[in-house]
Amino acid sequence: MPEPPHSVDPVQLGAYFALIEVSGLLRYAIEQQLGEAGDLTFVRFQVLMRLRRTPTGTLRMTDLADAIVVSRSGLTYQVGLLEKAGLVTRAPSPDDDRSVTVTITDAGRALIAEVLPGHEEVVAQQLFEPLSRDDARTLAALLEPVRDHMRAAPPRSAAARRRRNAP
């Protein structure tokens, strides 16, 4: 019996598995560094970095969840832990009664400043050390359209929620 045609050819499959493996290895190294340097998880680091990079240090929770690709409930839990640690504050959105905003505190900014040099070192050693500057440009040029294609779908927060009792 002949094999059915595949949507992904062997070259594409190899690229996919290499990307997944590189991503997993890099994330593991980053998680180790963030945990040791600042008792942070990768998700909490992403929250703080996204907030730090905005002009006001504030984002709506929904926008933040979409940006770092985490569920709304997962983000609520992580932000709660950051808030207990004094690294962020939450408040009702001034623009939308249904929204909550999150703002990085001075303590959150200080923690990022403390862990960022080590984070950058891990990224440089693990991801960029074996690549030339031109390779890094090529990698960015290859990944950016893929990211943009994936981001073109409606944000995760806009997706309809499944009903618990739905078939």
C-alpha atoms as a PDB file:
ATOM      1  CA  MET A   1       0.000   0.000   0.000  1.00  0.00           C
ATOM      2  CA  PRO A   2       1.489   3.368  -0.999  1.00  0.00           C
ATOM      3  CA  GLU A   3       2.112   6.016   1.628  1.00  0.00           C
ATOM      4  CA  PRO A   4      -0.254   8.985   1.512  1.00  0.00           C
ATOM      5  CA  PRO A   5       1.314  12.272   0.419  1.00  0.00           C
ATOM      6  CA  HIS A   6       2.743  14.392   3.201  1.00  0.00           C
ATOM      7  CA  SER A   7       2.091  18.101   3.714  1.00  0.00           C
ATOM      8  CA  VAL A   8       5.626  18.554   5.011  1.00  0.00           C
ATOM      9  CA  ASP A   9       8.573  17.200   3.027  1.00  0.00           C
ATOM     10  CA  PRO A  10      11.681  15.710   4.683  1.00  0.00           C
ATOM     11  CA  VAL A  11      13.661  18.981   4.426  1.00  0.00           C
ATOM     12  CA  GLN A  12      10.827  20.933   6.043  1.00  0.00           C
ATOM     13  CA  LEU A  13      10.413  18.260   8.713  1.00  0.00           C
ATOM     14  CA  GLY A  14      14.127  18.441   9.507  1.00  0.00           C
ATOM     15  CA  ALA A  15      13.944  22.236   9.789  1.00  0.00           C
ATOM     16  CA  TYR A  16      10.894  21.953  12.029  1.00  0.00           C
ATOM     17  CA  PHE A  17      12.544  19.483  14.407  1.00  0.00           C
ATOM     18  CA  ALA A  18      15.761  21.534  14.515  1.00  0.00           C
ATOM     19  CA  LEU A  19      13.729  24.656  15.384  1.00  0.00           C
ATOM     20  CA  ILE A  20      11.797  22.831  18.113  1.00  0.00           C
ATOM     21  CA  GLU A  21      14.977  21.364  19.601  1.00  0.00           C
ATOM     22  CA  VAL A  22      16.864  24.685  19.505  1.00  0.00           C
ATOM     23  CA  SER A  23      13.871  26.428  21.064  1.00  0.00           C
ATOM     24  CA  GLY A  24      13.616  23.861  23.857  1.00  0.00           C
ATOM     25  CA  LEU A  25      17.343  23.882  24.627  1.00  0.00           C
ATOM     26  CA  LEU A  26      17.485  27.680  24.620  1.00  0.00           C
ATOM     27  CA  ARG A  27      14.433  27.994  26.835  1.00  0.00           C
ATOM     28  CA  TYR A  28      15.902  25.487  29.299  1.00  0.00           C
ATOM     29  CA  ALA A  29      19.175  27.461  29.533  1.00  0.00           C
ATOM     30  CA  ILE A  30      17.254  30.716  29.947  1.00  0.00           C
ATOM     31  CA  GLU A  31      14.986  29.253  32.644  1.00  0.00           C
ATOM     32  CA  GLN A  32      18.059  28.065  34.558  1.00  0.00           C
ATOM     33  CA  GLN A  33      19.714  31.493  34.403  1.00  0.00           C
ATOM     34  CA  LEU A  34      16.556  33.426  35.303  1.00  0.00           C
ATOM     35  CA  GLY A  35      15.812  31.127  38.234  1.00  0.00           C
ATOM     36  CA  GLU A  36      19.320  31.423  39.626  1.00  0.00           C
ATOM     37  CA  ALA A  37      19.741  35.157  39.006  1.00  0.00           C
ATOM     38  CA  GLY A  38      16.313  36.417  40.019  1.00  0.00           C
ATOM     39  CA  ASP A  39      13.992  33.593  41.050  1.00  0.00           C
ATOM     40  CA  LEU A  40      12.037  34.233  37.837  1.00  0.00           C
ATOM     41  CA  THR A  41      10.341  31.887  35.420  1.00  0.00           C
ATOM     42  CA  PHE A  42      10.520  32.575  31.706  1.00  0.00           C
ATOM     43  CA  VAL A  43       6.867  33.704  31.653  1.00  0.00           C
ATOM     44  CA  ARG A  44       7.367  36.152  34.526  1.00  0.00           C
ATOM     45  CA  PHE A  45      10.496  37.478  32.829  1.00  0.00           C
ATOM     46  CA  GLN A  46       8.523  37.981  29.606  1.00  0.00           C
ATOM     47  CA  VAL A  47       5.813  39.875  31.505  1.00  0.00           C
ATOM     48  CA  LEU A  48       8.326  42.199  33.110  1.00  0.00           C
ATOM     49  CA  MET A  49      10.260  42.735  29.874  1.00  0.00           C
ATOM     50  CA  ARG A  50       7.122  43.500  27.853  1.00  0.00           C
ATOM     51  CA  LEU A  51       6.046  46.033  30.464  1.00  0.00           C
ATOM     52  CA  ARG A  52       9.521  47.556  30.706  1.00  0.00           C
ATOM     53  CA  ARG A  53       9.655  48.047  26.949  1.00  0.00           C
ATOM     54  CA  THR A  54       6.422  50.101  26.790  1.00  0.00           C
ATOM     55  CA  PRO A  55       6.633  53.890  27.198  1.00  0.00           C
ATOM     56  CA  THR A  56       4.321  53.863  30.236  1.00  0.00           C
ATOM     57  CA  GLY A  57       5.317  50.497  31.708  1.00  0.00           C
ATOM     58  CA  THR A  58       1.647  49.492  31.472  1.00  0.00           C
ATOM     59  CA  LEU A  59      -0.333  47.066  29.308  1.00  0.00           C
ATOM     60  CA  ARG A  60      -3.815  45.606  29.362  1.00  0.00           C
ATOM     61  CA  MET A  61      -3.791  42.036  30.641  1.00  0.00           C
ATOM     62  CA  THR A  62      -5.416  40.763  27.421  1.00  0.00           C
ATOM     63  CA  ASP A  63      -2.798  42.440  25.240  1.00  0.00           C
ATOM     64  CA  LEU A  64      -0.043  41.090  27.451  1.00  0.00           C
ATOM     65  CA  ALA A  65      -1.444  37.540  27.257  1.00  0.00           C
ATOM     66  CA  ASP A  66      -1.544  37.764  23.458  1.00  0.00           C
ATOM     67  CA  ALA A  67       1.957  39.236  23.280  1.00  0.00           C
ATOM     68  CA  ILE A  68       3.642  36.489  25.291  1.00  0.00           C
ATOM     69  CA  VAL A  69       1.302  33.730  24.060  1.00  0.00           C
ATOM     70  CA  VAL A  70      -0.076  32.554  27.372  1.00  0.00           C
ATOM     71  CA  SER A  71      -3.650  31.871  28.447  1.00  0.00           C
ATOM     72  CA  ARG A  72      -5.529  34.628  30.212  1.00  0.00           C
ATOM     73  CA  SER A  73      -5.920  32.482  33.321  1.00  0.00           C
ATOM     74  CA  GLY A  74      -2.238  31.558  33.245  1.00  0.00           C
ATOM     75  CA  LEU A  75      -1.288  35.208  32.957  1.00  0.00           C
ATOM     76  CA  THR A  76      -3.604  36.136  35.827  1.00  0.00           C
ATOM     77  CA  TYR A  77      -1.816  33.588  38.028  1.00  0.00           C
ATOM     78  CA  GLN A  78       1.676  34.742  36.996  1.00  0.00           C
ATOM     79  CA  VAL A  79       0.828  38.431  37.400  1.00  0.00           C
ATOM     80  CA  GLY A  80      -0.624  37.641  40.830  1.00  0.00           C
ATOM     81  CA  LEU A  81       2.723  36.182  41.876  1.00  0.00           C
ATOM     82  CA  LEU A  82       4.581  39.188  40.468  1.00  0.00           C
ATOM     83  CA  GLU A  83       2.182  41.509  42.295  1.00  0.00           C
ATOM     84  CA  LYS A  84       2.722  39.688  45.612  1.00  0.00           C
ATOM     85  CA  ALA A  85       6.464  40.148  45.097  1.00  0.00           C
ATOM     86  CA  GLY A  86       5.962  43.893  44.510  1.00  0.00           C
ATOM     87  CA  LEU A  87       7.195  43.732  40.921  1.00  0.00           C
ATOM     88  CA  VAL A  88       3.941  44.851  39.250  1.00  0.00           C
ATOM     89  CA  THR A  89       0.632  46.456  40.165  1.00  0.00           C
ATOM     90  CA  ARG A  90      -2.816  45.811  38.722  1.00  0.00           C
ATOM     91  CA  ALA A  91      -5.595  48.342  38.274  1.00  0.00           C
ATOM     92  CA  PRO A  92      -8.839  48.740  36.347  1.00  0.00           C
ATOM     93  CA  SER A  93      -8.239  50.123  32.877  1.00  0.00           C
ATOM     94  CA  PRO A  94      -9.043  53.814  32.578  1.00  0.00           C
ATOM     95  CA  ASP A  95     -10.286  53.182  29.002  1.00  0.00           C
ATOM     96  CA  ASP A  96     -12.371  50.021  29.451  1.00  0.00           C
ATOM     97  CA  ASP A  97     -14.353  48.998  32.539  1.00  0.00           C
ATOM     98  CA  ARG A  98     -13.944  45.326  31.624  1.00  0.00           C
ATOM     99  CA  SER A  99     -10.155  45.458  31.335  1.00  0.00           C
ATOM    100  CA  VAL A 100      -7.361  45.327  33.867  1.00  0.00           C
ATOM    101  CA  THR A 101      -3.971  46.892  33.319  1.00  0.00           C
ATOM    102  CA  VAL A 102      -0.673  45.773  34.721  1.00  0.00           C
ATOM    103  CA  THR A 103       2.213  48.156  35.449  1.00  0.00           C
ATOM    104  CA  ILE A 104       5.824  47.370  36.252  1.00  0.00           C
ATOM    105  CA  THR A 105       7.079  48.850  39.520  1.00  0.00           C
ATOM    106  CA  ASP A 106      10.499  50.283  40.305  1.00  0.00           C
ATOM    107  CA  ALA A 107      11.309  46.972  42.011  1.00  0.00           C
ATOM    108  CA  GLY A 108      10.324  45.136  38.802  1.00  0.00           C
ATOM    109  CA  ARG A 109      12.571  47.407  36.750  1.00  0.00           C
ATOM    110  CA  ALA A 110      15.427  46.838  39.218  1.00  0.00           C
ATOM    111  CA  LEU A 111      15.019  43.052  39.010  1.00  0.00           C
ATOM    112  CA  ILE A 112      15.085  43.152  35.212  1.00  0.00           C
ATOM    113  CA  ALA A 113      18.227  45.297  35.325  1.00  0.00           C
ATOM    114  CA  GLU A 114      19.781  42.687  37.613  1.00  0.00           C
ATOM    115  CA  VAL A 115      18.949  39.592  35.522  1.00  0.00           C
ATOM    116  CA  LEU A 116      19.212  41.053  32.012  1.00  0.00           C
ATOM    117  CA  PRO A 117      23.020  40.928  31.627  1.00  0.00           C
ATOM    118  CA  GLY A 118      23.076  37.211  32.459  1.00  0.00           C
ATOM    119  CA  HIS A 119      20.077  36.606  30.210  1.00  0.00           C
ATOM    120  CA  GLU A 120      21.795  38.317  27.300  1.00  0.00           C
ATOM    121  CA  GLU A 121      24.944  36.302  27.979  1.00  0.00           C
ATOM    122  CA  VAL A 122      23.007  33.016  27.794  1.00  0.00           C
ATOM    123  CA  VAL A 123      21.320  34.076  24.549  1.00  0.00           C
ATOM    124  CA  ALA A 124      24.656  35.158  23.069  1.00  0.00           C
ATOM    125  CA  GLN A 125      26.419  31.929  24.064  1.00  0.00           C
ATOM    126  CA  GLN A 126      23.656  29.480  23.277  1.00  0.00           C
ATOM    127  CA  LEU A 127      22.073  30.995  20.176  1.00  0.00           C
ATOM    128  CA  PHE A 128      24.474  33.419  18.521  1.00  0.00           C
ATOM    129  CA  GLU A 129      27.969  32.075  19.313  1.00  0.00           C
ATOM    130  CA  PRO A 130      27.953  29.531  16.474  1.00  0.00           C
ATOM    131  CA  LEU A 131      26.516  32.081  14.016  1.00  0.00           C
ATOM    132  CA  SER A 132      28.166  34.914  12.127  1.00  0.00           C
ATOM    133  CA  ARG A 133      26.577  38.376  12.074  1.00  0.00           C
ATOM    134  CA  ASP A 134      25.292  37.597   8.558  1.00  0.00           C
ATOM    135  CA  ASP A 135      23.853  34.282   9.811  1.00  0.00           C
ATOM    136  CA  ALA A 136      21.992  36.167  12.562  1.00  0.00           C
ATOM    137  CA  ARG A 137      20.580  38.588   9.964  1.00  0.00           C
ATOM    138  CA  THR A 138      19.522  35.643   7.810  1.00  0.00           C
ATOM    139  CA  LEU A 139      17.918  33.912  10.788  1.00  0.00           C
ATOM    140  CA  ALA A 140      15.944  37.064  11.607  1.00  0.00           C
ATOM    141  CA  ALA A 141      14.955  37.453   7.952  1.00  0.00           C
ATOM    142  CA  LEU A 142      13.693  33.868   7.891  1.00  0.00           C
ATOM    143  CA  LEU A 143      11.819  33.968  11.192  1.00  0.00           C
ATOM    144  CA  GLU A 144      10.202  37.408  10.972  1.00  0.00           C
ATOM    145  CA  PRO A 145       7.799  36.565   8.112  1.00  0.00           C
ATOM    146  CA  VAL A 146       6.871  33.300   9.838  1.00  0.00           C
ATOM    147  CA  ARG A 147       6.157  35.185  13.068  1.00  0.00           C
ATOM    148  CA  ASP A 148       4.192  37.826  11.176  1.00  0.00           C
ATOM    149  CA  HIS A 149       2.188  35.125   9.370  1.00  0.00           C
ATOM    150  CA  MET A 150       1.350  33.433  12.676  1.00  0.00           C
ATOM    151  CA  ARG A 151       0.502  36.772  14.335  1.00  0.00           C
ATOM    152  CA  ALA A 152      -1.833  37.699  11.431  1.00  0.00           C
ATOM    153  CA  ALA A 153      -4.494  35.382  12.863  1.00  0.00           C
ATOM    154  CA  PRO A 154      -6.891  37.019  15.314  1.00  0.00           C
ATOM    155  CA  PRO A 155      -5.331  37.439  18.747  1.00  0.00           C
ATOM    156  CA  ARG A 156      -5.838  34.534  21.106  1.00  0.00           C
ATOM    157  CA  SER A 157      -7.956  36.739  23.359  1.00  0.00           C
ATOM    158  CA  ALA A 158     -10.399  37.257  20.481  1.00  0.00           C
ATOM    159  CA  ALA A 159     -10.957  33.529  20.028  1.00  0.00           C
ATOM    160  CA  ALA A 160     -14.308  32.276  21.215  1.00  0.00           C
ATOM    161  CA  ARG A 161     -14.244  30.418  24.496  1.00  0.00           C
ATOM    162  CA  ARG A 162     -15.579  26.890  24.588  1.00  0.00           C
ATOM    163  CA  ARG A 163     -18.472  26.265  26.863  1.00  0.00           C
ATOM    164  CA  ARG A 164     -17.738  23.794  29.608  1.00  0.00           C
ATOM    165  CA  ASN A 165     -20.829  21.700  28.869  1.00  0.00           C
ATOM    166  CA  ALA A 166     -20.573  21.900  25.085  1.00  0.00           C
ATOM    167  CA  PRO A 167     -20.411  18.595  23.224  1.00  0.00           C
END
